[in-house]
Amino acid sequence: MSEPRRPDQTLGQLIDGVRRREPAALGRAVSLIESTAPADRARAGDLLTRLGPAARPAVLVGISGVPGVGKSTFIDGLGARLLSRGHRVAVLAVDPSSAVSGGSILGDKTRMQRLAGDPRAFVRPSPTAGTLGGVAPRTPETIALCEAAGFDVIIVETVGVGQSETSVADLTDVFLVLMLPGGGDELQGIKRGLMERADVIAVNKADGSNADRAMATARDYRTAMHLMRGRDAAGPPPVLTCSALDGTGLDEVWSALLERRLGLVESGVLAARRREQRVRWMWVLVEQRVRAGLELHESVHGLLGEVTRGVADGSVPPSVAAERLLRAVGLG
């Protein structure tokens, strides 16, 4: 009678599958990473530790933009071009979760038909699950898995719900912001928090009757960006026009992203940024786990409802409520 297969052997097989670039194995590995079950968290940590850092880091590109700007169509078109040049492309598409049900549409995969149907590509939609900043709770770990599986271009598409989408800039090498053609009213929507993080800006849908308006919008953004200070000393980001629909300008946008990344590599900024990203995300995860543990702590269970009601009706200042909760678990 053979011995039962041990969990670490199963994990070893999963690791081998990821390294052999098996899509099914990578999908199972991502599901393990995203699981909130305590046993799965431990196995996920072992998985990432045993995989270790990728021998050749991928080009990490973050893409954001308002709803309707055409992010998925842009990524599908750009990704198809990159596949034709021999790249292996992974897309981590983050969808907003419902604050009521916690559910998510996860429809990006259906809008990236060329990539979703190509074995050289991996498209993984993930819900935000309440995480702010336009990314999913396990996006950094999923990036690490995709690098280990040999994908040399990894694109992170954010939720696309507004100007709070800056976390993706803390996870990627270069950050592309897509904009719609528009006039002066569109320019008023610029917020420093998002635009100062941009490495490249592209005005999408520059086709047909929108072409002239897109060019005018790009000129307005170039002027505006000279008044802002970027996140690095590389100067204002280039502002380009493109059409995800007919493919015009996609090659130029990709070249601009690579040129920006090359400058970061040569200056040593990219290596420093990646070190900072790993440490920063460690603290994000610590904060998430501390909050989850706090809500379940027996000393807080009866107190939480009381202080929450007090904060809600204005009788208890949030700072006082926070101190009470922290003192209840010995952290005050």
C-alpha atoms as a PDB file:
ATOM      1  CA  MET A   1       0.000   0.000   0.000  1.00  0.00           C
ATOM      2  CA  SER A   2       1.550   3.293  -1.067  1.00  0.00           C
ATOM      3  CA  GLU A   3       1.983   6.142   1.350  1.00  0.00           C
ATOM      4  CA  PRO A   4      -0.462   9.044   0.984  1.00  0.00           C
ATOM      5  CA  ARG A   5       0.873  11.968  -0.956  1.00  0.00           C
ATOM      6  CA  ARG A   6       2.097  14.674   1.399  1.00  0.00           C
ATOM      7  CA  PRO A   7       0.957  18.307   1.041  1.00  0.00           C
ATOM      8  CA  ASP A   8       4.522  19.484   0.367  1.00  0.00           C
ATOM      9  CA  GLN A   9       4.758  17.038  -2.550  1.00  0.00           C
ATOM     10  CA  THR A  10       1.561  18.501  -3.993  1.00  0.00           C
ATOM     11  CA  LEU A  11       3.043  21.967  -3.548  1.00  0.00           C
ATOM     12  CA  GLY A  12       6.227  20.783  -5.245  1.00  0.00           C
ATOM     13  CA  GLN A  13       4.232  19.632  -8.238  1.00  0.00           C
ATOM     14  CA  LEU A  14       2.494  23.001  -8.389  1.00  0.00           C
ATOM     15  CA  ILE A  15       5.854  24.774  -8.313  1.00  0.00           C
ATOM     16  CA  ASP A  16       7.167  22.548 -11.108  1.00  0.00           C
ATOM     17  CA  GLY A  17       4.055  23.292 -13.143  1.00  0.00           C
ATOM     18  CA  VAL A  18       4.517  27.047 -12.725  1.00  0.00           C
ATOM     19  CA  ARG A  19       8.150  26.800 -13.770  1.00  0.00           C
ATOM     20  CA  ARG A  20       7.146  24.709 -16.796  1.00  0.00           C
ATOM     21  CA  ARG A  21       4.790  27.534 -17.750  1.00  0.00           C
ATOM     22  CA  GLU A  22       1.656  25.392 -17.523  1.00  0.00           C
ATOM     23  CA  PRO A  23      -1.392  27.722 -17.595  1.00  0.00           C
ATOM     24  CA  ALA A  24      -3.466  25.417 -15.379  1.00  0.00           C
ATOM     25  CA  ALA A  25      -0.724  25.275 -12.752  1.00  0.00           C
ATOM     26  CA  LEU A  26      -0.317  29.056 -12.787  1.00  0.00           C
ATOM     27  CA  GLY A  27      -4.071  29.484 -12.418  1.00  0.00           C
ATOM     28  CA  ARG A  28      -4.136  27.141  -9.416  1.00  0.00           C
ATOM     29  CA  ALA A  29      -1.158  28.934  -7.896  1.00  0.00           C
ATOM     30  CA  VAL A  30      -2.904  32.311  -8.212  1.00  0.00           C
ATOM     31  CA  SER A  31      -6.057  30.846  -6.657  1.00  0.00           C
ATOM     32  CA  LEU A  32      -3.946  29.606  -3.749  1.00  0.00           C
ATOM     33  CA  ILE A  33      -2.381  33.045  -3.336  1.00  0.00           C
ATOM     34  CA  GLU A  34      -5.808  34.730  -3.363  1.00  0.00           C
ATOM     35  CA  SER A  35      -7.349  32.338  -0.833  1.00  0.00           C
ATOM     36  CA  THR A  36      -8.072  33.742   2.624  1.00  0.00           C
ATOM     37  CA  ALA A  37      -8.146  30.339   4.331  1.00  0.00           C
ATOM     38  CA  PRO A  38      -5.423  30.160   7.035  1.00  0.00           C
ATOM     39  CA  ALA A  39      -4.084  26.824   5.742  1.00  0.00           C
ATOM     40  CA  ASP A  40      -3.863  28.206   2.207  1.00  0.00           C
ATOM     41  CA  ARG A  41      -2.053  31.326   3.426  1.00  0.00           C
ATOM     42  CA  ALA A  42       0.673  29.141   4.916  1.00  0.00           C
ATOM     43  CA  ARG A  43       0.986  27.100   1.722  1.00  0.00           C
ATOM     44  CA  ALA A  44       0.997  30.273  -0.385  1.00  0.00           C
ATOM     45  CA  GLY A  45       3.899  31.613   1.675  1.00  0.00           C
ATOM     46  CA  ASP A  46       5.808  28.374   1.119  1.00  0.00           C
ATOM     47  CA  LEU A  47       5.036  28.520  -2.594  1.00  0.00           C
ATOM     48  CA  LEU A  48       6.420  32.037  -3.004  1.00  0.00           C
ATOM     49  CA  THR A  49       9.460  31.323  -0.830  1.00  0.00           C
ATOM     50  CA  ARG A  50      10.388  28.189  -2.742  1.00  0.00           C
ATOM     51  CA  LEU A  51       9.875  29.846  -6.110  1.00  0.00           C
ATOM     52  CA  GLY A  52      12.178  32.697  -5.094  1.00  0.00           C
ATOM     53  CA  PRO A  53      12.896  35.779  -7.214  1.00  0.00           C
ATOM     54  CA  ALA A  54      12.695  35.459 -10.978  1.00  0.00           C
ATOM     55  CA  ALA A  55      15.968  34.966 -12.811  1.00  0.00           C
ATOM     56  CA  ARG A  56      14.940  37.676 -15.253  1.00  0.00           C
ATOM     57  CA  PRO A  57      12.522  40.318 -13.941  1.00  0.00           C
ATOM     58  CA  ALA A  58       9.672  41.208 -16.262  1.00  0.00           C
ATOM     59  CA  VAL A  59       8.739  44.622 -17.573  1.00  0.00           C
ATOM     60  CA  LEU A  60       5.946  45.680 -15.218  1.00  0.00           C
ATOM     61  CA  VAL A  61       3.450  48.146 -16.679  1.00  0.00           C
ATOM     62  CA  GLY A  62       0.568  49.701 -14.758  1.00  0.00           C
ATOM     63  CA  ILE A  63      -2.350  51.081 -16.783  1.00  0.00           C
ATOM     64  CA  SER A  64      -5.112  53.278 -15.424  1.00  0.00           C
ATOM     65  CA  GLY A  65      -7.798  55.545 -16.792  1.00  0.00           C
ATOM     66  CA  VAL A  66     -11.404  56.529 -16.289  1.00  0.00           C
ATOM     67  CA  PRO A  67     -14.228  54.125 -17.217  1.00  0.00           C
ATOM     68  CA  GLY A  68     -14.866  54.149 -20.951  1.00  0.00           C
ATOM     69  CA  VAL A  69     -11.344  55.166 -21.915  1.00  0.00           C
ATOM     70  CA  GLY A  70     -10.758  51.763 -23.535  1.00  0.00           C
ATOM     71  CA  LYS A  71      -8.196  50.160 -21.219  1.00  0.00           C
ATOM     72  CA  SER A  72      -9.108  46.560 -22.042  1.00  0.00           C
ATOM     73  CA  THR A  73      -9.201  47.190 -25.799  1.00  0.00           C
ATOM     74  CA  PHE A  74      -5.872  49.009 -25.571  1.00  0.00           C
ATOM     75  CA  ILE A  75      -4.260  46.139 -23.630  1.00  0.00           C
ATOM     76  CA  ASP A  76      -5.639  43.538 -26.040  1.00  0.00           C
ATOM     77  CA  GLY A  77      -4.228  45.424 -29.015  1.00  0.00           C
ATOM     78  CA  LEU A  78      -0.867  46.156 -27.415  1.00  0.00           C
ATOM     79  CA  GLY A  79      -0.579  42.632 -26.037  1.00  0.00           C
ATOM     80  CA  ALA A  80      -1.251  41.076 -29.430  1.00  0.00           C
ATOM     81  CA  ARG A  81       1.545  43.192 -30.897  1.00  0.00           C
ATOM     82  CA  LEU A  82       3.940  42.098 -28.159  1.00  0.00           C
ATOM     83  CA  LEU A  83       3.073  38.422 -28.668  1.00  0.00           C
ATOM     84  CA  SER A  84       3.875  38.759 -32.370  1.00  0.00           C
ATOM     85  CA  ARG A  85       7.349  39.974 -31.366  1.00  0.00           C
ATOM     86  CA  GLY A  86       8.044  36.937 -29.226  1.00  0.00           C
ATOM     87  CA  HIS A  87       7.059  38.281 -25.816  1.00  0.00           C
ATOM     88  CA  ARG A  88       4.997  36.363 -23.277  1.00  0.00           C
ATOM     89  CA  VAL A  89       2.352  38.649 -21.800  1.00  0.00           C
ATOM     90  CA  ALA A  90       0.450  38.372 -18.528  1.00  0.00           C
ATOM     91  CA  VAL A  91      -2.441  40.711 -17.768  1.00  0.00           C
ATOM     92  CA  LEU A  92      -3.697  41.159 -14.216  1.00  0.00           C
ATOM     93  CA  ALA A  93      -7.036  42.891 -14.653  1.00  0.00           C
ATOM     94  CA  VAL A  94      -8.536  44.244 -11.440  1.00  0.00           C
ATOM     95  CA  ASP A  95     -12.319  44.595 -11.255  1.00  0.00           C
ATOM     96  CA  PRO A  96     -14.237  46.516  -8.584  1.00  0.00           C
ATOM     97  CA  SER A  97     -15.979  44.452  -5.921  1.00  0.00           C
ATOM     98  CA  SER A  98     -19.498  45.253  -4.806  1.00  0.00           C
ATOM     99  CA  ALA A  99     -19.592  46.920  -1.408  1.00  0.00           C
ATOM    100  CA  VAL A 100     -22.916  45.144  -0.838  1.00  0.00           C
ATOM    101  CA  SER A 101     -22.343  41.562  -1.997  1.00  0.00           C
ATOM    102  CA  GLY A 102     -18.564  41.474  -2.343  1.00  0.00           C
ATOM    103  CA  GLY A 103     -19.043  40.093  -5.850  1.00  0.00           C
ATOM    104  CA  SER A 104     -17.258  41.225  -8.984  1.00  0.00           C
ATOM    105  CA  ILE A 105     -18.106  41.113 -12.682  1.00  0.00           C
ATOM    106  CA  LEU A 106     -14.599  40.067 -13.778  1.00  0.00           C
ATOM    107  CA  GLY A 107     -15.470  40.843 -17.380  1.00  0.00           C
ATOM    108  CA  ASP A 108     -12.081  42.020 -18.641  1.00  0.00           C
ATOM    109  CA  LYS A 109     -11.187  38.570 -19.958  1.00  0.00           C
ATOM    110  CA  THR A 110     -14.142  38.667 -22.342  1.00  0.00           C
ATOM    111  CA  ARG A 111     -12.936  42.029 -23.683  1.00  0.00           C
ATOM    112  CA  MET A 112      -9.411  40.722 -24.387  1.00  0.00           C
ATOM    113  CA  GLN A 113     -10.299  37.953 -26.791  1.00  0.00           C
ATOM    114  CA  ARG A 114      -6.994  37.908 -28.665  1.00  0.00           C
ATOM    115  CA  LEU A 115      -4.963  37.537 -25.483  1.00  0.00           C
ATOM    116  CA  ALA A 116      -7.414  35.244 -23.697  1.00  0.00           C
ATOM    117  CA  GLY A 117      -7.260  32.772 -26.584  1.00  0.00           C
ATOM    118  CA  ASP A 118      -3.474  32.723 -26.980  1.00  0.00           C
ATOM    119  CA  PRO A 119      -1.401  30.156 -25.021  1.00  0.00           C
ATOM    120  CA  ARG A 120       1.488  32.630 -24.822  1.00  0.00           C
ATOM    121  CA  ALA A 121      -0.666  34.999 -22.763  1.00  0.00           C
ATOM    122  CA  PHE A 122      -2.223  34.780 -19.325  1.00  0.00           C
ATOM    123  CA  VAL A 123      -5.211  36.952 -18.425  1.00  0.00           C
ATOM    124  CA  ARG A 124      -6.288  36.880 -14.803  1.00  0.00           C
ATOM    125  CA  PRO A 125      -9.174  39.050 -13.573  1.00  0.00           C
ATOM    126  CA  SER A 126      -9.240  39.577  -9.798  1.00  0.00           C
ATOM    127  CA  PRO A 127     -11.671  41.444  -7.528  1.00  0.00           C
ATOM    128  CA  THR A 128     -10.470  44.352  -5.411  1.00  0.00           C
ATOM    129  CA  ALA A 129     -12.119  42.726  -2.353  1.00  0.00           C
ATOM    130  CA  GLY A 130     -12.233  46.107  -0.643  1.00  0.00           C
ATOM    131  CA  THR A 131      -8.605  47.059  -1.334  1.00  0.00           C
ATOM    132  CA  LEU A 132      -8.184  50.728  -2.235  1.00  0.00           C
ATOM    133  CA  GLY A 133      -5.837  52.145  -4.839  1.00  0.00           C
ATOM    134  CA  GLY A 134      -7.160  50.246  -7.851  1.00  0.00           C
ATOM    135  CA  VAL A 135      -5.398  46.925  -7.207  1.00  0.00           C
ATOM    136  CA  ALA A 136      -6.316  43.566  -5.709  1.00  0.00           C
ATOM    137  CA  PRO A 137      -5.064  42.348  -2.301  1.00  0.00           C
ATOM    138  CA  ARG A 138      -2.657  39.817  -3.815  1.00  0.00           C
ATOM    139  CA  THR A 139      -1.525  41.652  -6.936  1.00  0.00           C
ATOM    140  CA  PRO A 140       2.181  41.790  -5.887  1.00  0.00           C
ATOM    141  CA  GLU A 141       2.277  38.048  -5.208  1.00  0.00           C
ATOM    142  CA  THR A 142       0.505  37.332  -8.498  1.00  0.00           C
ATOM    143  CA  ILE A 143       3.128  39.435 -10.284  1.00  0.00           C
ATOM    144  CA  ALA A 144       5.835  37.297  -8.656  1.00  0.00           C
ATOM    145  CA  LEU A 145       4.110  34.113  -9.843  1.00  0.00           C
ATOM    146  CA  CYS A 146       3.860  35.411 -13.408  1.00  0.00           C
ATOM    147  CA  GLU A 147       7.549  36.333 -13.387  1.00  0.00           C
ATOM    148  CA  ALA A 148       8.411  32.853 -12.119  1.00  0.00           C
ATOM    149  CA  ALA A 149       6.329  31.408 -14.970  1.00  0.00           C
ATOM    150  CA  GLY A 150       8.484  33.229 -17.511  1.00  0.00           C
ATOM    151  CA  PHE A 151       6.230  36.089 -18.569  1.00  0.00           C
ATOM    152  CA  ASP A 152       8.497  38.944 -19.612  1.00  0.00           C
ATOM    153  CA  VAL A 153       5.767  41.600 -19.844  1.00  0.00           C
ATOM    154  CA  ILE A 154       3.220  41.921 -17.046  1.00  0.00           C
ATOM    155  CA  ILE A 155       0.440  44.480 -17.355  1.00  0.00           C
ATOM    156  CA  VAL A 156      -1.644  45.499 -14.352  1.00  0.00           C
ATOM    157  CA  GLU A 157      -4.938  47.085 -15.360  1.00  0.00           C
ATOM    158  CA  THR A 158      -6.532  49.013 -12.508  1.00  0.00           C
ATOM    159  CA  VAL A 159     -10.190  49.309 -11.623  1.00  0.00           C
ATOM    160  CA  GLY A 160     -10.546  52.667 -13.344  1.00  0.00           C
ATOM    161  CA  VAL A 161     -12.810  54.437 -10.906  1.00  0.00           C
ATOM    162  CA  GLY A 162     -11.076  57.742 -10.344  1.00  0.00           C
ATOM    163  CA  GLN A 163      -8.039  59.543  -9.018  1.00  0.00           C
ATOM    164  CA  SER A 164      -7.243  57.211  -6.103  1.00  0.00           C
ATOM    165  CA  GLU A 165      -5.575  54.690  -8.381  1.00  0.00           C
ATOM    166  CA  THR A 166      -2.011  55.365  -7.314  1.00  0.00           C
ATOM    167  CA  SER A 167      -1.175  52.010  -5.696  1.00  0.00           C
ATOM    168  CA  VAL A 168      -0.474  50.490  -9.103  1.00  0.00           C
ATOM    169  CA  ALA A 169       2.412  52.934  -9.484  1.00  0.00           C
ATOM    170  CA  ASP A 170       3.897  51.395  -6.342  1.00  0.00           C
ATOM    171  CA  LEU A 171       3.799  47.910  -7.883  1.00  0.00           C
ATOM    172  CA  THR A 172       5.062  48.485 -11.411  1.00  0.00           C
ATOM    173  CA  ASP A 173       8.098  49.815 -13.261  1.00  0.00           C
ATOM    174  CA  VAL A 174       6.262  52.296 -15.435  1.00  0.00           C
ATOM    175  CA  PHE A 175       2.759  53.726 -15.173  1.00  0.00           C
ATOM    176  CA  LEU A 176       0.614  54.606 -18.196  1.00  0.00           C
ATOM    177  CA  VAL A 177      -2.455  56.812 -17.815  1.00  0.00           C
ATOM    178  CA  LEU A 178      -4.997  56.693 -20.635  1.00  0.00           C
ATOM    179  CA  MET A 179      -7.124  59.757 -21.273  1.00  0.00           C
ATOM    180  CA  LEU A 180     -10.152  60.534 -23.412  1.00  0.00           C
ATOM    181  CA  PRO A 181     -10.247  63.266 -26.039  1.00  0.00           C
ATOM    182  CA  GLY A 182     -11.876  66.328 -24.527  1.00  0.00           C
ATOM    183  CA  GLY A 183     -11.724  70.050 -24.105  1.00  0.00           C
ATOM    184  CA  GLY A 184     -11.084  72.368 -21.203  1.00  0.00           C
ATOM    185  CA  ASP A 185     -13.555  70.597 -18.927  1.00  0.00           C
ATOM    186  CA  GLU A 186     -11.532  67.385 -19.279  1.00  0.00           C
ATOM    187  CA  LEU A 187      -8.354  69.184 -18.264  1.00  0.00           C
ATOM    188  CA  GLN A 188     -10.035  70.360 -15.069  1.00  0.00           C
ATOM    189  CA  GLY A 189     -10.261  66.714 -14.009  1.00  0.00           C
ATOM    190  CA  ILE A 190      -6.492  66.403 -13.590  1.00  0.00           C
ATOM    191  CA  LYS A 191      -5.518  65.571 -10.024  1.00  0.00           C
ATOM    192  CA  ARG A 192      -1.931  65.666  -8.911  1.00  0.00           C
ATOM    193  CA  GLY A 193      -2.153  62.359  -7.032  1.00  0.00           C
ATOM    194  CA  LEU A 194      -2.640  60.392 -10.243  1.00  0.00           C
ATOM    195  CA  MET A 195      -0.974  62.503 -12.900  1.00  0.00           C
ATOM    196  CA  GLU A 196       2.246  63.070 -10.967  1.00  0.00           C
ATOM    197  CA  ARG A 197       2.718  59.301 -10.891  1.00  0.00           C
ATOM    198  CA  ALA A 198       2.361  58.916 -14.673  1.00  0.00           C
ATOM    199  CA  ASP A 199       5.412  57.913 -16.696  1.00  0.00           C
ATOM    200  CA  VAL A 200       3.540  58.159 -19.992  1.00  0.00           C
ATOM    201  CA  ILE A 201       0.148  59.686 -20.847  1.00  0.00           C
ATOM    202  CA  ALA A 202      -1.783  58.594 -23.916  1.00  0.00           C
ATOM    203  CA  VAL A 203      -4.970  60.145 -25.259  1.00  0.00           C
ATOM    204  CA  ASN A 204      -6.879  57.139 -26.584  1.00  0.00           C
ATOM    205  CA  LYS A 205      -9.643  56.958 -29.213  1.00  0.00           C
ATOM    206  CA  ALA A 206      -7.698  59.272 -31.517  1.00  0.00           C
ATOM    207  CA  ASP A 207      -9.536  58.039 -34.600  1.00  0.00           C
ATOM    208  CA  GLY A 208     -12.254  59.223 -36.953  1.00  0.00           C
ATOM    209  CA  SER A 209     -13.913  62.445 -35.876  1.00  0.00           C
ATOM    210  CA  ASN A 210     -12.023  62.308 -32.569  1.00  0.00           C
ATOM    211  CA  ALA A 211      -8.563  62.548 -34.139  1.00  0.00           C
ATOM    212  CA  ASP A 212      -8.258  66.354 -34.151  1.00  0.00           C
ATOM    213  CA  ARG A 213      -9.790  66.671 -30.704  1.00  0.00           C
ATOM    214  CA  ALA A 214      -7.362  64.072 -29.350  1.00  0.00           C
ATOM    215  CA  MET A 215      -4.394  66.023 -30.718  1.00  0.00           C
ATOM    216  CA  ALA A 216      -5.681  69.209 -29.097  1.00  0.00           C
ATOM    217  CA  THR A 217      -6.216  67.404 -25.794  1.00  0.00           C
ATOM    218  CA  ALA A 218      -2.668  66.026 -25.915  1.00  0.00           C
ATOM    219  CA  ARG A 219      -1.304  69.544 -26.397  1.00  0.00           C
ATOM    220  CA  ASP A 220      -3.272  70.738 -23.376  1.00  0.00           C
ATOM    221  CA  TYR A 221      -1.903  67.895 -21.241  1.00  0.00           C
ATOM    222  CA  ARG A 222       1.680  68.599 -22.333  1.00  0.00           C
ATOM    223  CA  THR A 223       1.293  72.169 -21.176  1.00  0.00           C
ATOM    224  CA  ALA A 224      -0.274  71.104 -17.877  1.00  0.00           C
ATOM    225  CA  MET A 225       2.335  68.449 -17.144  1.00  0.00           C
ATOM    226  CA  HIS A 226       5.147  70.993 -17.363  1.00  0.00           C
ATOM    227  CA  LEU A 227       3.592  72.619 -14.290  1.00  0.00           C
ATOM    228  CA  MET A 228       3.706  69.400 -12.283  1.00  0.00           C
ATOM    229  CA  ARG A 229       6.601  67.599 -10.695  1.00  0.00           C
ATOM    230  CA  GLY A 230       6.811  63.914 -11.561  1.00  0.00           C
ATOM    231  CA  ARG A 231       7.703  61.135  -9.143  1.00  0.00           C
ATOM    232  CA  ASP A 232      11.264  60.950 -10.518  1.00  0.00           C
ATOM    233  CA  ALA A 233      13.721  63.454 -11.908  1.00  0.00           C
ATOM    234  CA  ALA A 234      13.064  62.267 -15.453  1.00  0.00           C
ATOM    235  CA  GLY A 235      11.108  65.343 -16.448  1.00  0.00           C
ATOM    236  CA  PRO A 236       7.486  65.607 -17.568  1.00  0.00           C
ATOM    237  CA  PRO A 237       5.999  62.410 -19.009  1.00  0.00           C
ATOM    238  CA  PRO A 238       5.548  62.229 -22.767  1.00  0.00           C
ATOM    239  CA  VAL A 239       1.966  62.772 -23.910  1.00  0.00           C
ATOM    240  CA  LEU A 240       0.965  60.775 -26.985  1.00  0.00           C
ATOM    241  CA  THR A 241      -2.179  59.943 -28.933  1.00  0.00           C
ATOM    242  CA  CYS A 242      -3.324  56.491 -29.967  1.00  0.00           C
ATOM    243  CA  SER A 243      -6.284  54.434 -31.098  1.00  0.00           C
ATOM    244  CA  ALA A 244      -6.775  51.035 -29.528  1.00  0.00           C
ATOM    245  CA  LEU A 245      -9.490  50.452 -32.123  1.00  0.00           C
ATOM    246  CA  ASP A 246      -7.305  50.666 -35.240  1.00  0.00           C
ATOM    247  CA  GLY A 247      -3.880  50.244 -33.588  1.00  0.00           C
ATOM    248  CA  THR A 248      -2.562  53.690 -34.480  1.00  0.00           C
ATOM    249  CA  GLY A 249       0.073  54.910 -32.038  1.00  0.00           C
ATOM    250  CA  LEU A 250       0.285  51.713 -29.951  1.00  0.00           C
ATOM    251  CA  ASP A 251       3.888  51.064 -31.016  1.00  0.00           C
ATOM    252  CA  GLU A 252       4.843  54.622 -30.093  1.00  0.00           C
ATOM    253  CA  VAL A 253       3.260  54.288 -26.646  1.00  0.00           C
ATOM    254  CA  TRP A 254       5.150  51.034 -26.017  1.00  0.00           C
ATOM    255  CA  SER A 255       8.425  52.602 -27.159  1.00  0.00           C
ATOM    256  CA  ALA A 256       7.845  55.542 -24.804  1.00  0.00           C
ATOM    257  CA  LEU A 257       7.247  53.166 -21.889  1.00  0.00           C
ATOM    258  CA  LEU A 258      10.412  51.207 -22.651  1.00  0.00           C
ATOM    259  CA  GLU A 259      12.457  54.392 -23.030  1.00  0.00           C
ATOM    260  CA  ARG A 260      11.173  55.669 -19.699  1.00  0.00           C
ATOM    261  CA  ARG A 261      11.972  52.336 -18.036  1.00  0.00           C
ATOM    262  CA  LEU A 262      15.459  52.241 -19.580  1.00  0.00           C
ATOM    263  CA  GLY A 263      16.218  55.628 -18.070  1.00  0.00           C
ATOM    264  CA  LEU A 264      15.105  54.337 -14.662  1.00  0.00           C
ATOM    265  CA  VAL A 265      17.312  51.270 -15.029  1.00  0.00           C
ATOM    266  CA  GLU A 266      20.395  53.243 -16.051  1.00  0.00           C
ATOM    267  CA  SER A 267      19.971  55.752 -13.233  1.00  0.00           C
ATOM    268  CA  GLY A 268      19.490  53.030 -10.609  1.00  0.00           C
ATOM    269  CA  VAL A 269      16.049  54.408  -9.772  1.00  0.00           C
ATOM    270  CA  LEU A 270      14.229  51.251 -10.856  1.00  0.00           C
ATOM    271  CA  ALA A 271      16.231  48.957  -8.566  1.00  0.00           C
ATOM    272  CA  ALA A 272      15.627  51.312  -5.636  1.00  0.00           C
ATOM    273  CA  ARG A 273      11.936  51.582  -6.532  1.00  0.00           C
ATOM    274  CA  ARG A 274      11.515  47.812  -6.545  1.00  0.00           C
ATOM    275  CA  ARG A 275      13.141  47.537  -3.127  1.00  0.00           C
ATOM    276  CA  GLU A 276      10.822  50.227  -1.772  1.00  0.00           C
ATOM    277  CA  GLN A 277       7.803  48.567  -3.391  1.00  0.00           C
ATOM    278  CA  ARG A 278       8.455  45.259  -1.641  1.00  0.00           C
ATOM    279  CA  VAL A 279       8.804  46.902   1.770  1.00  0.00           C
ATOM    280  CA  ARG A 280       5.791  49.172   1.251  1.00  0.00           C
ATOM    281  CA  TRP A 281       3.564  46.281   0.255  1.00  0.00           C
ATOM    282  CA  MET A 282       4.725  44.289   3.278  1.00  0.00           C
ATOM    283  CA  TRP A 283       3.293  47.019   5.501  1.00  0.00           C
ATOM    284  CA  VAL A 284       0.074  47.140   3.487  1.00  0.00           C
ATOM    285  CA  LEU A 285      -0.389  43.419   4.130  1.00  0.00           C
ATOM    286  CA  VAL A 286       0.494  43.845   7.799  1.00  0.00           C
ATOM    287  CA  GLU A 287      -2.151  46.551   8.147  1.00  0.00           C
ATOM    288  CA  GLN A 288      -4.756  44.380   6.422  1.00  0.00           C
ATOM    289  CA  ARG A 289      -4.029  41.399   8.656  1.00  0.00           C
ATOM    290  CA  VAL A 290      -3.919  43.511  11.826  1.00  0.00           C
ATOM    291  CA  ARG A 291      -7.322  44.989  11.055  1.00  0.00           C
ATOM    292  CA  ALA A 292      -8.778  41.557  10.280  1.00  0.00           C
ATOM    293  CA  GLY A 293      -7.311  40.162  13.489  1.00  0.00           C
ATOM    294  CA  LEU A 294      -8.536  43.147  15.485  1.00  0.00           C
ATOM    295  CA  GLU A 295     -12.118  42.651  14.349  1.00  0.00           C
ATOM    296  CA  LEU A 296     -12.009  39.003  15.431  1.00  0.00           C
ATOM    297  CA  HIS A 297     -10.220  39.561  18.746  1.00  0.00           C
ATOM    298  CA  GLU A 298     -12.351  38.546  21.725  1.00  0.00           C
ATOM    299  CA  SER A 299     -11.443  41.717  23.647  1.00  0.00           C
ATOM    300  CA  VAL A 300     -12.761  43.832  20.779  1.00  0.00           C
ATOM    301  CA  HIS A 301     -15.850  41.811  19.890  1.00  0.00           C
ATOM    302  CA  GLY A 302     -18.218  43.554  22.298  1.00  0.00           C
ATOM    303  CA  LEU A 303     -16.527  46.938  22.050  1.00  0.00           C
ATOM    304  CA  LEU A 304     -16.480  47.249  18.271  1.00  0.00           C
ATOM    305  CA  GLY A 305     -20.212  47.771  17.834  1.00  0.00           C
ATOM    306  CA  GLU A 306     -20.286  50.370  20.609  1.00  0.00           C
ATOM    307  CA  VAL A 307     -17.438  52.516  19.302  1.00  0.00           C
ATOM    308  CA  THR A 308     -18.630  52.179  15.701  1.00  0.00           C
ATOM    309  CA  ARG A 309     -22.051  53.532  16.640  1.00  0.00           C
ATOM    310  CA  GLY A 310     -20.432  56.340  18.622  1.00  0.00           C
ATOM    311  CA  VAL A 311     -18.251  57.367  15.676  1.00  0.00           C
ATOM    312  CA  ALA A 312     -21.200  57.127  13.298  1.00  0.00           C
ATOM    313  CA  ASP A 313     -23.459  59.405  15.369  1.00  0.00           C
ATOM    314  CA  GLY A 314     -20.637  61.838  16.170  1.00  0.00           C
ATOM    315  CA  SER A 315     -20.566  61.271  19.937  1.00  0.00           C
ATOM    316  CA  VAL A 316     -17.098  59.653  19.840  1.00  0.00           C
ATOM    317  CA  PRO A 317     -14.201  61.161  17.860  1.00  0.00           C
ATOM    318  CA  PRO A 318     -12.592  58.620  15.493  1.00  0.00           C
ATOM    319  CA  SER A 319      -9.194  59.110  17.163  1.00  0.00           C
ATOM    320  CA  VAL A 320     -10.656  58.306  20.590  1.00  0.00           C
ATOM    321  CA  ALA A 321     -12.429  55.231  19.207  1.00  0.00           C
ATOM    322  CA  ALA A 322      -9.210  54.007  17.601  1.00  0.00           C
ATOM    323  CA  GLU A 323      -7.340  54.376  20.899  1.00  0.00           C
ATOM    324  CA  ARG A 324     -10.025  52.399  22.732  1.00  0.00           C
ATOM    325  CA  LEU A 325      -9.835  49.556  20.254  1.00  0.00           C
ATOM    326  CA  LEU A 326      -6.050  49.444  20.331  1.00  0.00           C
ATOM    327  CA  ARG A 327      -5.937  49.542  24.137  1.00  0.00           C
ATOM    328  CA  ALA A 328      -8.374  46.623  24.229  1.00  0.00           C
ATOM    329  CA  VAL A 329      -5.735  44.421  22.572  1.00  0.00           C
ATOM    330  CA  GLY A 330      -2.773  45.910  24.398  1.00  0.00           C
ATOM    331  CA  LEU A 331      -1.561  48.181  21.628  1.00  0.00           C
ATOM    332  CA  GLY A 332      -2.692  51.511  23.034  1.00  0.00           C
END
